[in-house]
C-alpha cells in the first residue's frame, strides 16, 4: 500500500446558481486525498492518513475516498471541523482562501499515529506540515517509516498560511527533506525555499528531485544528471490537483517498474526515472482538461492520444 499522509480539504469551487448568481460548490480535495484517489485510479492500492472530521464535510471526504477504493483503516475521525478552501480562478493559476483554524488536520495528535504494517511507501506534503501539533505528527510518522519504506515529499508550499510559523516550518521541511527518497517542488516552492542549485537536494537521502514548471513540463535531477521533459500542448480547463496527480503518476510508474523501494530507486538507471516522470506529466496533463481535482484512470491514459 502507498499511504498518503496530509490534509483532507473541501474545495469550494466557483459555481453559478440556476438564477445566475455566483456561488461555490463543495468538492472533495486536499493534497493527500487527491494523491490517494489518483493512485487508486491508476491501479495502485492506496490509503489515507490525516485529520478527518466527523462533520458533514468529513463524511463527504470519506465517502469520496471509499468510492474510489482508498483504504481508510489508518484514520480515526475526530470532532474538529473540516478545512475549507475557497478557490478563486486567476489568469494563469488558482488563488485560495483557507479556513483551517482548529481543524481536524491542524489539531491531529501524535496519539492518532497508525501502525505501518503493509505500507510500502508514504507521501507527505502540503499545508499539513505548517502548524503544530498536526505538522509534528506527520514528521514523527515519517521518522517511523524508517529506511526501508519509500518516501515522497511534495513541498506544495502555501505562503499565505504560514503566518508566524516560518522559522519552525522551514526547519521542519529541512528535516523532512533529508528523510525523503523523492522530492517534488513547483516553481513557487523553489522561489520560497531558494535551494541553490536544486541539485544540492540530492546530497541527502533523495535519489530523485522533480521540479515542475506548470504548463512547461518538469525537470528531473538524479545521480545521472538533469533532464527537462516538456508537456504536450493542451488547453487547461482547471489546474486544481494537477501537482497531486503528477506525484501519483510518478509513484504508479515506479511501482510498476519495481522501484518502490529506496534501495531499488537509488540503483535505478536514467531511463526508468525518466519514464516515471513522463508518466506523471501525462497524468497531470490529462487532469487539467477537467474541472476540479479529477485525475485520470489507468485505462484513460492507456487509450489517450
Protein backbone atom coordinates (compact mmCIF):
# COMPACT_ATOMS: atom_id res chain seq x y z
CA UNK A 1 0.00 0.00 0.00
CA UNK A 2 1.02 3.60 -0.64
CA UNK A 3 -0.12 5.67 2.35
CA UNK A 4 -0.97 9.29 1.52
CA UNK A 5 -0.44 11.46 4.59
CA UNK A 6 -1.73 15.00 4.92
CA UNK A 7 -4.74 17.22 4.65
CA UNK A 8 -8.31 16.38 3.72
CA UNK A 9 -9.92 19.57 2.42
CA UNK A 10 -13.24 20.62 0.97
CA UNK A 11 -12.52 22.69 -2.13
CA UNK A 12 -15.26 25.27 -2.57
CA UNK A 13 -15.27 25.60 -6.35
CA UNK A 14 -16.78 28.57 -8.19
CA UNK A 15 -20.27 27.83 -9.47
CA UNK A 16 -23.40 29.59 -10.67
CA UNK A 17 -26.92 29.12 -9.32
CA UNK A 18 -29.92 28.46 -11.57
CA UNK A 19 -30.73 32.14 -11.16
CA UNK A 20 -27.27 33.14 -12.44
CA UNK A 21 -25.83 34.22 -9.09
CA UNK A 22 -22.23 33.47 -8.15
CA UNK A 23 -21.86 30.56 -5.72
CA UNK A 24 -19.50 27.82 -4.57
CA UNK A 25 -19.79 24.04 -4.94
CA UNK A 26 -18.14 21.77 -2.33
CA UNK A 27 -15.78 19.19 -3.80
CA UNK A 28 -13.54 16.69 -2.07
CA UNK A 29 -9.87 17.70 -2.11
CA UNK A 30 -6.67 18.22 -0.18
CA UNK A 31 -3.27 17.04 -1.36
CA UNK A 32 -3.29 13.66 0.39
CA UNK A 33 -6.87 12.90 -0.66
CA UNK A 34 -6.12 13.85 -4.27
CA UNK A 35 -2.98 11.71 -4.42
CA UNK A 36 -4.74 8.72 -2.85
CA UNK A 37 -7.64 8.90 -5.31
CA UNK A 38 -5.29 9.39 -8.26
CA UNK A 39 -3.22 6.37 -7.21
CA UNK A 40 -6.33 4.23 -6.86
CA UNK A 41 -7.48 5.23 -10.34
CA UNK A 42 -4.04 4.33 -11.68
CA UNK A 43 -4.36 0.80 -10.32
CA UNK A 44 -2.39 1.16 -7.09
CA UNK A 45 -3.50 0.16 -3.60
CA UNK A 46 -3.71 3.46 -1.75
CA UNK A 47 -4.54 4.51 1.79
CA UNK A 48 -5.11 7.83 3.54
CA UNK A 49 -3.89 9.09 6.90
CA UNK A 50 -4.74 12.52 8.23
CA UNK A 51 -7.21 14.51 10.26
CA UNK A 52 -10.68 13.56 9.07
CA UNK A 53 -13.68 15.25 10.65
CA UNK A 54 -16.94 13.67 11.76
CA UNK A 55 -18.84 16.63 10.32
CA UNK A 56 -20.86 16.57 7.09
CA UNK A 57 -17.84 17.64 5.04
CA UNK A 58 -15.78 14.86 6.62
CA UNK A 59 -18.47 12.39 5.59
CA UNK A 60 -18.26 13.75 2.04
CA UNK A 61 -14.47 13.31 2.01
CA UNK A 62 -14.54 9.78 3.42
CA UNK A 63 -17.33 8.82 1.04
CA UNK A 64 -15.38 10.10 -1.96
CA UNK A 65 -12.32 8.09 -0.98
CA UNK A 66 -14.25 4.91 -0.24
CA UNK A 67 -15.98 5.06 -3.61
CA UNK A 68 -12.55 5.09 -5.26
CA UNK A 69 -11.29 2.17 -3.18
CA UNK A 70 -8.96 4.18 -0.92
CA UNK A 71 -8.21 2.37 2.37
CA UNK A 72 -9.26 4.43 5.43
CA UNK A 73 -8.23 1.89 8.08
CA UNK A 74 -5.45 4.21 9.28
CA UNK A 75 -7.87 7.04 10.15
CA UNK A 76 -9.84 7.77 13.32
CA UNK A 77 -12.37 10.58 12.62
CA UNK A 78 -12.47 13.42 15.16
CA UNK A 79 -14.96 16.09 16.22
CA UNK A 80 -12.91 19.06 14.95
CA UNK A 81 -14.21 20.75 11.76
CA UNK A 82 -13.07 20.10 8.21
CA UNK A 83 -10.74 22.51 6.42
CA UNK A 84 -12.39 24.61 3.70
CA UNK A 85 -10.51 26.08 0.72
CA UNK A 86 -12.36 28.59 -1.46
CA UNK A 87 -10.92 28.57 -4.97
CA UNK A 88 -10.57 31.84 -6.88
CA UNK A 89 -9.61 31.43 -10.56
CA UNK A 90 -6.91 33.73 -11.92
CA UNK A 91 -5.33 34.19 -15.34
CA UNK A 92 -2.60 31.53 -15.10
CA UNK A 93 -3.21 29.83 -11.77
CA UNK A 94 -5.64 29.37 -8.89
CA UNK A 95 -5.97 31.51 -5.76
CA UNK A 96 -7.19 30.06 -2.47
CA UNK A 97 -8.76 31.31 0.75
CA UNK A 98 -8.32 28.74 3.52
CA UNK A 99 -10.40 28.25 6.66
CA UNK A 100 -8.26 25.96 8.80
CA UNK A 101 -8.21 27.22 12.41
CA UNK A 102 -8.64 24.36 14.92
CA UNK A 103 -9.42 21.97 12.08
CA UNK A 104 -9.25 18.17 12.18
CA UNK A 105 -5.99 18.27 10.25
CA UNK A 106 -4.25 21.05 12.12
CA UNK A 107 -5.02 19.52 15.54
CA UNK A 108 -4.08 15.94 14.59
CA UNK A 109 -2.38 14.43 17.65
CA UNK A 110 0.56 12.06 17.83
CA UNK A 111 -1.72 9.57 19.62
CA UNK A 112 -3.51 9.10 16.27
CA UNK A 113 -0.43 7.65 14.55
CA UNK A 114 -1.25 4.30 12.90
CA UNK A 115 0.85 1.15 12.57
CA UNK A 116 2.58 0.86 9.21
CA UNK A 117 2.17 -2.87 8.58
CA UNK A 118 1.75 -3.48 4.86
CA UNK A 119 2.76 0.08 3.89
CA UNK A 120 5.40 0.14 1.15
CA UNK A 121 5.61 3.87 0.53
CA UNK A 122 4.37 7.12 2.07
CA UNK A 123 3.53 10.54 0.62
CA UNK A 124 3.78 13.78 2.63
CA UNK A 125 3.45 17.49 1.95
CA UNK A 126 1.18 20.47 1.68
CA UNK A 127 -0.34 22.70 4.32
CA UNK A 128 -0.43 19.77 6.77
CA UNK A 129 3.26 20.43 7.53
CA UNK A 130 2.86 24.05 8.66
CA UNK A 131 1.08 24.09 12.01
CA UNK A 132 1.64 22.02 15.13
CA UNK A 133 0.56 19.67 16.55
CA UNK A 134 -0.53 18.18 13.22
CA UNK A 135 2.73 19.05 11.45
CA UNK A 136 4.78 17.40 14.19
CA UNK A 137 2.59 14.30 13.97
CA UNK A 138 3.37 13.90 10.27
CA UNK A 139 7.09 14.44 10.86
CA UNK A 140 7.02 11.72 13.52
CA UNK A 141 5.25 9.37 11.11
CA UNK A 142 7.98 9.97 8.53
CA UNK A 143 10.57 9.06 11.15
CA UNK A 144 8.59 5.89 11.96
CA UNK A 145 8.66 4.86 8.31
CA UNK A 146 12.38 4.13 8.53
CA UNK A 147 14.85 3.44 5.71
CA UNK A 148 13.00 0.51 4.09
CA UNK A 149 9.84 2.37 3.02
CA UNK A 150 9.98 4.80 0.10
CA UNK A 151 9.04 8.39 1.00
CA UNK A 152 7.89 11.12 -1.39
CA UNK A 153 7.71 14.70 -0.12
CA UNK A 154 5.81 17.29 -2.18
CA UNK A 155 6.56 20.66 -0.58
CA UNK A 156 3.41 22.32 -2.04
CA UNK A 157 4.09 25.49 -0.01
CA UNK A 158 1.25 27.95 0.72
CA UNK A 159 2.97 31.16 1.93
CA UNK A 160 -0.35 32.83 2.83
CA UNK A 161 -0.97 30.18 5.50
CA UNK A 162 2.43 30.23 7.18
CA UNK A 163 1.68 33.28 9.34
CA UNK A 164 4.14 33.38 12.27
CA UNK A 165 5.30 29.78 11.75
CA UNK A 166 8.01 30.41 9.15
CA UNK A 167 11.08 29.55 11.20
CA UNK A 168 9.65 26.31 12.59
CA UNK A 169 8.17 25.40 9.22
CA UNK A 170 11.47 25.89 7.37
CA UNK A 171 13.28 23.80 9.96
CA UNK A 172 10.67 21.06 9.72
CA UNK A 173 10.83 20.98 5.92
CA UNK A 174 14.63 20.78 6.06
CA UNK A 175 14.48 17.78 8.39
CA UNK A 176 11.79 16.05 6.33
CA UNK A 177 13.52 16.69 3.00
CA UNK A 178 16.58 14.91 4.41
CA UNK A 179 14.44 11.80 5.08
CA UNK A 180 12.76 11.62 1.65
CA UNK A 181 13.69 9.47 -1.35
CA UNK A 182 11.71 11.54 -3.87
CA UNK A 183 11.29 15.33 -3.64
CA UNK A 184 8.87 17.40 -5.69
CA UNK A 185 8.86 21.20 -5.95
CA UNK A 186 6.99 23.69 -8.09
CA UNK A 187 8.46 26.98 -9.34
CA UNK A 188 6.68 28.73 -6.46
CA UNK A 189 8.07 26.27 -3.90
CA UNK A 190 11.65 26.87 -5.01
CA UNK A 191 11.14 30.64 -5.07
CA UNK A 192 10.24 30.40 -1.37
CA UNK A 193 12.81 27.78 -0.36
CA UNK A 194 15.64 29.07 -2.56
CA UNK A 195 17.88 25.98 -2.61
CA UNK A 196 20.72 26.97 -4.91
CA UNK A 197 21.00 24.92 -7.04
CA UNK A 198 18.17 22.33 -6.74
CA UNK A 199 20.71 19.55 -7.31
CA UNK A 200 22.06 20.10 -3.81
CA UNK A 201 18.93 18.39 -2.51
CA UNK A 202 20.41 15.11 -3.78
CA UNK A 203 23.07 15.32 -1.08
CA UNK A 204 20.66 13.75 1.44
CA UNK A 205 18.68 10.54 1.08
CA UNK A 206 16.87 11.64 -2.08
CA UNK A 207 17.50 9.73 -5.31
CA UNK A 208 15.08 11.79 -7.42
CA UNK A 209 14.28 15.51 -7.29
CA UNK A 210 11.47 16.80 -9.51
CA UNK A 211 10.97 20.47 -10.36
CA UNK A 212 7.63 21.09 -12.05
CA UNK A 213 7.01 24.14 -14.24
CA UNK A 214 3.25 24.01 -14.76
CA UNK A 215 2.44 24.02 -18.47
CA UNK A 216 6.17 23.97 -19.27
CA UNK A 217 6.76 20.44 -18.03
CA UNK A 218 9.24 19.28 -15.41
CA UNK A 219 12.95 18.94 -14.78
CA UNK A 220 14.24 15.86 -13.01
CA UNK A 221 17.52 15.59 -11.14
CA UNK A 222 19.24 12.33 -10.20
CA UNK A 223 22.72 10.86 -9.98
CA UNK A 224 22.53 10.65 -13.78
CA UNK A 225 22.29 14.45 -14.12
CA UNK A 226 19.33 16.62 -15.07
CA UNK A 227 16.74 16.34 -17.82
CA UNK A 228 13.84 18.57 -18.82
CA UNK A 229 10.63 16.94 -20.03
CA UNK A 230 8.03 19.13 -21.79
CA UNK A 231 4.27 18.72 -21.69
CA UNK A 232 2.11 18.06 -24.72
CA UNK A 233 0.21 21.18 -25.86
CA UNK A 234 -3.10 21.20 -24.03
CA UNK A 235 -5.79 23.75 -23.22
CA UNK A 236 -6.09 23.75 -19.44
CA UNK A 237 -9.59 23.93 -18.01
CA UNK A 238 -8.66 23.67 -14.31
CA UNK A 239 -5.28 23.18 -12.62
CA UNK A 240 -6.62 22.16 -9.18
CA UNK A 241 -4.94 18.90 -8.13
CA UNK A 242 -2.55 18.76 -11.10
CA UNK A 243 0.55 18.53 -8.89
CA UNK A 244 -1.06 15.81 -6.80
CA UNK A 245 -1.91 13.82 -9.93
CA UNK A 246 1.66 14.27 -11.13
CA UNK A 247 3.00 12.74 -7.90
CA UNK A 248 0.56 9.84 -8.16
CA UNK A 249 1.61 9.18 -11.74
CA UNK A 250 5.28 9.11 -10.81
CA UNK A 251 4.65 6.70 -7.92
CA UNK A 252 2.41 4.45 -10.01
CA UNK A 253 5.11 4.18 -12.66
CA UNK A 254 7.83 3.48 -10.08
CA UNK A 255 5.63 0.75 -8.57
CA UNK A 256 5.02 -0.89 -11.94
CA UNK A 257 8.77 -0.80 -12.67
CA UNK A 258 9.63 -2.44 -9.33
CA UNK A 259 11.27 0.70 -7.99
CA UNK A 260 9.07 1.41 -4.97
CA UNK A 261 11.88 0.71 -2.51
CA UNK A 262 14.62 3.18 -1.51
CA UNK A 263 17.48 0.84 -2.45
CA UNK A 264 15.97 -0.05 -5.83
CA UNK A 265 15.31 3.60 -6.62
CA UNK A 266 18.88 4.55 -5.71
CA UNK A 267 20.21 1.94 -8.15
CA UNK A 268 17.80 2.81 -10.97
CA UNK A 269 19.11 3.91 -14.33
CA UNK A 270 18.19 7.15 -16.04
CA UNK A 271 15.56 5.60 -18.34
CA UNK A 272 13.20 4.27 -15.63
CA UNK A 273 13.32 7.61 -13.78
CA UNK A 274 12.56 9.50 -16.97
CA UNK A 275 9.71 7.09 -17.70
CA UNK A 276 8.21 7.71 -14.26
CA UNK A 277 8.34 11.50 -14.53
CA UNK A 278 6.95 11.38 -18.07
CA UNK A 279 4.01 9.30 -16.82
CA UNK A 280 3.41 11.83 -14.05
CA UNK A 281 3.35 14.64 -16.61
CA UNK A 282 0.95 12.68 -18.80
CA UNK A 283 -1.42 12.07 -15.88
CA UNK A 284 -1.31 15.72 -14.78
CA UNK A 285 -1.81 16.99 -18.33
CA UNK A 286 -4.90 14.83 -18.65
CA UNK A 287 -6.27 16.05 -15.30
CA UNK A 288 -6.18 19.76 -16.21
CA UNK A 289 -8.62 19.19 -19.07
CA UNK A 290 -11.39 18.54 -16.49
CA UNK A 291 -12.97 20.64 -13.76
CA UNK A 292 -11.75 20.21 -10.20
CA UNK A 293 -9.33 17.59 -8.89
CA UNK A 294 -10.40 14.80 -11.25
CA UNK A 295 -7.43 12.53 -12.07
CA UNK A 296 -7.50 10.06 -14.95
CA UNK A 297 -7.78 6.30 -14.72
CA UNK A 298 -5.10 3.94 -15.95
CA UNK A 299 -7.37 2.98 -18.85
CA UNK A 300 -7.86 6.61 -19.86
CA UNK A 301 -4.12 7.17 -20.01
CA UNK A 302 -3.54 3.99 -22.00
CA UNK A 303 -6.24 4.95 -24.53
CA UNK A 304 -5.49 8.66 -24.77
CA UNK A 305 -3.51 10.35 -27.53
